[in-house]
Amino acid sequence: MRRALPALFAIALALALSVPATAATPSVKRMAAQIRVLQRQVKTLQKQVKKDHTTLLQTEAVAVVALLYGGCNSAVTADALAGSGIAGYAAPPNPVNDYQTCSQLQTITRITPPIVRQPNTATVNVFQELLGIFK
């Protein structure tokens, strides 16, 4: 009997806990209030997503311009070094055709005057034109 009573109690407790609880249905007034709160949250999130999308597009544009600027700057530096007369920087026998690099930068940024590269010429004019982008 002493052993049966705790076992019976454990079985009764397990059965009582296994019965699904009935969910209380919320009132119409309470559901309407919850819906209004959710609608406000959705509007706020939509505004945030629109702002994030705009920021992403601006960031992508800056990244593209930065890559083109770096390519143009590298090409201009190579031109200046090739024309400097320093041994080891002479124009190679098969030069790389990178003359469209700066024109792509100009097309995207719509800068004027155009960046005119001077192959195999050591000059600062092209560097000044590149720095003119930031004026």
C-alpha atoms as a PDB file:
ATOM      1  CA  MET A   1       0.000   0.000   0.000  1.00  0.00           C
ATOM      2  CA  ARG A   2       2.833   2.390   0.819  1.00  0.00           C
ATOM      3  CA  ARG A   3       4.343   1.790  -2.604  1.00  0.00           C
ATOM      4  CA  ALA A   4       1.057   1.904  -4.492  1.00  0.00           C
ATOM      5  CA  LEU A   5       0.023   5.329  -3.172  1.00  0.00           C
ATOM      6  CA  PRO A   6       3.023   7.279  -4.618  1.00  0.00           C
ATOM      7  CA  ALA A   7       2.770   5.359  -7.895  1.00  0.00           C
ATOM      8  CA  LEU A   8      -0.945   6.153  -8.129  1.00  0.00           C
ATOM      9  CA  PHE A   9      -0.236   9.804  -7.357  1.00  0.00           C
ATOM     10  CA  ALA A  10       2.437   9.970 -10.086  1.00  0.00           C
ATOM     11  CA  ILE A  11       0.104   8.394 -12.657  1.00  0.00           C
ATOM     12  CA  ALA A  12      -2.728  10.788 -11.735  1.00  0.00           C
ATOM     13  CA  LEU A  13      -0.383  13.755 -12.011  1.00  0.00           C
ATOM     14  CA  ALA A  14       0.892  12.603 -15.413  1.00  0.00           C
ATOM     15  CA  LEU A  15      -2.651  12.182 -16.716  1.00  0.00           C
ATOM     16  CA  ALA A  16      -3.692  15.592 -15.412  1.00  0.00           C
ATOM     17  CA  LEU A  17      -0.742  17.275 -17.107  1.00  0.00           C
ATOM     18  CA  SER A  18      -1.237  15.411 -20.379  1.00  0.00           C
ATOM     19  CA  VAL A  19      -4.773  16.747 -20.900  1.00  0.00           C
ATOM     20  CA  PRO A  20      -4.545  19.667 -23.328  1.00  0.00           C
ATOM     21  CA  ALA A  21      -5.453  23.001 -21.878  1.00  0.00           C
ATOM     22  CA  THR A  22      -8.276  24.817 -23.577  1.00  0.00           C
ATOM     23  CA  ALA A  23      -7.182  28.116 -25.010  1.00  0.00           C
ATOM     24  CA  ALA A  24      -9.148  31.123 -23.984  1.00  0.00           C
ATOM     25  CA  THR A  25     -10.442  32.897 -27.051  1.00  0.00           C
ATOM     26  CA  PRO A  26      -9.511  36.585 -26.999  1.00  0.00           C
ATOM     27  CA  SER A  27     -12.220  39.150 -27.228  1.00  0.00           C
ATOM     28  CA  VAL A  28     -12.898  41.031 -30.449  1.00  0.00           C
ATOM     29  CA  LYS A  29     -11.819  44.291 -28.829  1.00  0.00           C
ATOM     30  CA  ARG A  30      -8.493  42.837 -27.758  1.00  0.00           C
ATOM     31  CA  MET A  31      -7.835  41.330 -31.213  1.00  0.00           C
ATOM     32  CA  ALA A  32      -8.614  44.655 -32.892  1.00  0.00           C
ATOM     33  CA  ALA A  33      -6.092  46.394 -30.616  1.00  0.00           C
ATOM     34  CA  GLN A  34      -3.446  43.798 -31.448  1.00  0.00           C
ATOM     35  CA  ILE A  35      -4.141  44.216 -35.170  1.00  0.00           C
ATOM     36  CA  ARG A  36      -3.706  48.007 -34.920  1.00  0.00           C
ATOM     37  CA  VAL A  37      -0.378  47.544 -33.139  1.00  0.00           C
ATOM     38  CA  LEU A  38       0.802  45.087 -35.789  1.00  0.00           C
ATOM     39  CA  GLN A  39      -0.265  47.435 -38.606  1.00  0.00           C
ATOM     40  CA  ARG A  40       1.807  50.254 -37.090  1.00  0.00           C
ATOM     41  CA  GLN A  41       4.782  47.917 -36.766  1.00  0.00           C
ATOM     42  CA  VAL A  42       4.448  46.848 -40.408  1.00  0.00           C
ATOM     43  CA  LYS A  43       4.393  50.491 -41.586  1.00  0.00           C
ATOM     44  CA  THR A  44       7.493  51.272 -39.504  1.00  0.00           C
ATOM     45  CA  LEU A  45       9.328  48.243 -40.869  1.00  0.00           C
ATOM     46  CA  GLN A  46       8.374  49.120 -44.454  1.00  0.00           C
ATOM     47  CA  LYS A  47       9.868  52.606 -44.003  1.00  0.00           C
ATOM     48  CA  GLN A  48      13.026  51.088 -42.527  1.00  0.00           C
ATOM     49  CA  VAL A  49      13.380  48.619 -45.427  1.00  0.00           C
ATOM     50  CA  LYS A  50      12.956  51.443 -47.961  1.00  0.00           C
ATOM     51  CA  LYS A  51      15.643  53.505 -46.192  1.00  0.00           C
ATOM     52  CA  ASP A  52      17.999  50.510 -46.028  1.00  0.00           C
ATOM     53  CA  HIS A  53      17.465  49.828 -49.744  1.00  0.00           C
ATOM     54  CA  THR A  54      18.341  53.428 -50.619  1.00  0.00           C
ATOM     55  CA  THR A  55      21.453  53.259 -48.436  1.00  0.00           C
ATOM     56  CA  LEU A  56      22.493  50.014 -50.108  1.00  0.00           C
ATOM     57  CA  LEU A  57      22.168  51.520 -53.587  1.00  0.00           C
ATOM     58  CA  GLN A  58      24.246  54.534 -52.555  1.00  0.00           C
ATOM     59  CA  THR A  59      26.903  52.272 -51.051  1.00  0.00           C
ATOM     60  CA  GLU A  60      27.074  50.207 -54.239  1.00  0.00           C
ATOM     61  CA  ALA A  61      27.510  53.369 -56.322  1.00  0.00           C
ATOM     62  CA  VAL A  62      30.335  54.609 -54.094  1.00  0.00           C
ATOM     63  CA  ALA A  63      32.044  51.217 -54.304  1.00  0.00           C
ATOM     64  CA  VAL A  64      31.916  51.192 -58.116  1.00  0.00           C
ATOM     65  CA  VAL A  65      33.295  54.736 -58.338  1.00  0.00           C
ATOM     66  CA  ALA A  66      36.056  53.849 -55.853  1.00  0.00           C
ATOM     67  CA  LEU A  67      37.089  50.819 -57.905  1.00  0.00           C
ATOM     68  CA  LEU A  68      37.144  52.791 -61.145  1.00  0.00           C
ATOM     69  CA  TYR A  69      39.037  55.644 -59.487  1.00  0.00           C
ATOM     70  CA  GLY A  70      41.635  53.203 -58.174  1.00  0.00           C
ATOM     71  CA  GLY A  71      42.031  51.618 -61.615  1.00  0.00           C
ATOM     72  CA  CYS A  72      42.381  54.976 -63.331  1.00  0.00           C
ATOM     73  CA  ASN A  73      44.831  56.202 -60.695  1.00  0.00           C
ATOM     74  CA  SER A  74      46.942  53.057 -61.117  1.00  0.00           C
ATOM     75  CA  ALA A  75      46.957  53.418 -64.909  1.00  0.00           C
ATOM     76  CA  VAL A  76      47.934  57.085 -64.712  1.00  0.00           C
ATOM     77  CA  THR A  77      50.705  56.270 -62.244  1.00  0.00           C
ATOM     78  CA  ALA A  78      52.009  53.566 -64.588  1.00  0.00           C
ATOM     79  CA  ASP A  79      51.979  56.085 -67.466  1.00  0.00           C
ATOM     80  CA  ALA A  80      53.933  58.601 -65.414  1.00  0.00           C
ATOM     81  CA  LEU A  81      56.495  56.028 -64.280  1.00  0.00           C
ATOM     82  CA  ALA A  82      56.954  54.690 -67.805  1.00  0.00           C
ATOM     83  CA  GLY A  83      57.716  58.185 -69.045  1.00  0.00           C
ATOM     84  CA  SER A  84      59.961  59.157 -66.139  1.00  0.00           C
ATOM     85  CA  GLY A  85      63.143  57.647 -67.545  1.00  0.00           C
ATOM     86  CA  ILE A  86      63.730  55.608 -64.393  1.00  0.00           C
ATOM     87  CA  ALA A  87      65.276  52.249 -65.232  1.00  0.00           C
ATOM     88  CA  GLY A  88      62.852  49.391 -64.719  1.00  0.00           C
ATOM     89  CA  TYR A  89      59.755  51.487 -65.414  1.00  0.00           C
ATOM     90  CA  ALA A  90      60.105  51.706 -69.174  1.00  0.00           C
ATOM     91  CA  ALA A  91      57.078  50.847 -71.281  1.00  0.00           C
ATOM     92  CA  PRO A  92      56.830  47.077 -71.749  1.00  0.00           C
ATOM     93  CA  PRO A  93      57.044  45.613 -75.264  1.00  0.00           C
ATOM     94  CA  ASN A  94      53.414  44.437 -75.050  1.00  0.00           C
ATOM     95  CA  PRO A  95      51.616  47.201 -73.100  1.00  0.00           C
ATOM     96  CA  VAL A  96      48.260  46.562 -71.466  1.00  0.00           C
ATOM     97  CA  ASN A  97      45.386  48.343 -73.187  1.00  0.00           C
ATOM     98  CA  ASP A  98      43.842  50.137 -70.207  1.00  0.00           C
ATOM     99  CA  TYR A  99      42.936  53.404 -71.895  1.00  0.00           C
ATOM    100  CA  GLN A 100      39.212  52.951 -71.261  1.00  0.00           C
ATOM    101  CA  THR A 101      39.697  52.870 -67.496  1.00  0.00           C
ATOM    102  CA  CYS A 102      39.557  56.630 -67.010  1.00  0.00           C
ATOM    103  CA  SER A 103      36.805  57.123 -69.587  1.00  0.00           C
ATOM    104  CA  GLN A 104      34.584  54.708 -67.638  1.00  0.00           C
ATOM    105  CA  LEU A 105      35.211  56.751 -64.494  1.00  0.00           C
ATOM    106  CA  GLN A 106      34.332  59.925 -66.361  1.00  0.00           C
ATOM    107  CA  THR A 107      31.132  58.374 -67.735  1.00  0.00           C
ATOM    108  CA  ILE A 108      29.905  57.335 -64.311  1.00  0.00           C
ATOM    109  CA  THR A 109      30.870  60.481 -62.407  1.00  0.00           C
ATOM    110  CA  ARG A 110      30.040  62.879 -65.294  1.00  0.00           C
ATOM    111  CA  ILE A 111      33.102  64.974 -64.538  1.00  0.00           C
ATOM    112  CA  THR A 112      34.337  67.721 -66.821  1.00  0.00           C
ATOM    113  CA  PRO A 113      36.858  68.363 -68.254  1.00  0.00           C
ATOM    114  CA  PRO A 114      37.637  64.815 -69.383  1.00  0.00           C
ATOM    115  CA  ILE A 115      40.575  62.950 -67.922  1.00  0.00           C
ATOM    116  CA  VAL A 116      43.108  62.816 -70.750  1.00  0.00           C
ATOM    117  CA  ARG A 117      45.872  60.295 -70.219  1.00  0.00           C
ATOM    118  CA  GLN A 118      49.298  60.957 -71.632  1.00  0.00           C
ATOM    119  CA  PRO A 119      51.018  57.585 -72.130  1.00  0.00           C
ATOM    120  CA  ASN A 120      54.737  57.458 -71.381  1.00  0.00           C
ATOM    121  CA  THR A 121      54.770  61.072 -70.199  1.00  0.00           C
ATOM    122  CA  ALA A 122      55.688  62.118 -66.685  1.00  0.00           C
ATOM    123  CA  THR A 123      53.207  64.916 -65.891  1.00  0.00           C
ATOM    124  CA  VAL A 124      51.029  65.963 -62.983  1.00  0.00           C
ATOM    125  CA  ASN A 125      48.164  67.268 -65.120  1.00  0.00           C
ATOM    126  CA  VAL A 126      46.309  63.956 -65.096  1.00  0.00           C
ATOM    127  CA  PHE A 127      46.695  63.666 -61.322  1.00  0.00           C
ATOM    128  CA  GLN A 128      45.271  67.174 -60.946  1.00  0.00           C
ATOM    129  CA  GLU A 129      42.299  66.163 -63.098  1.00  0.00           C
ATOM    130  CA  LEU A 130      41.751  63.107 -60.907  1.00  0.00           C
ATOM    131  CA  LEU A 131      41.872  65.226 -57.765  1.00  0.00           C
ATOM    132  CA  GLY A 132      39.421  67.646 -59.408  1.00  0.00           C
ATOM    133  CA  ILE A 133      36.709  65.040 -58.856  1.00  0.00           C
ATOM    134  CA  PHE A 134      36.685  65.931 -55.164  1.00  0.00           C
ATOM    135  CA  LYS A 135      36.163  69.684 -55.654  1.00  0.00           C
END
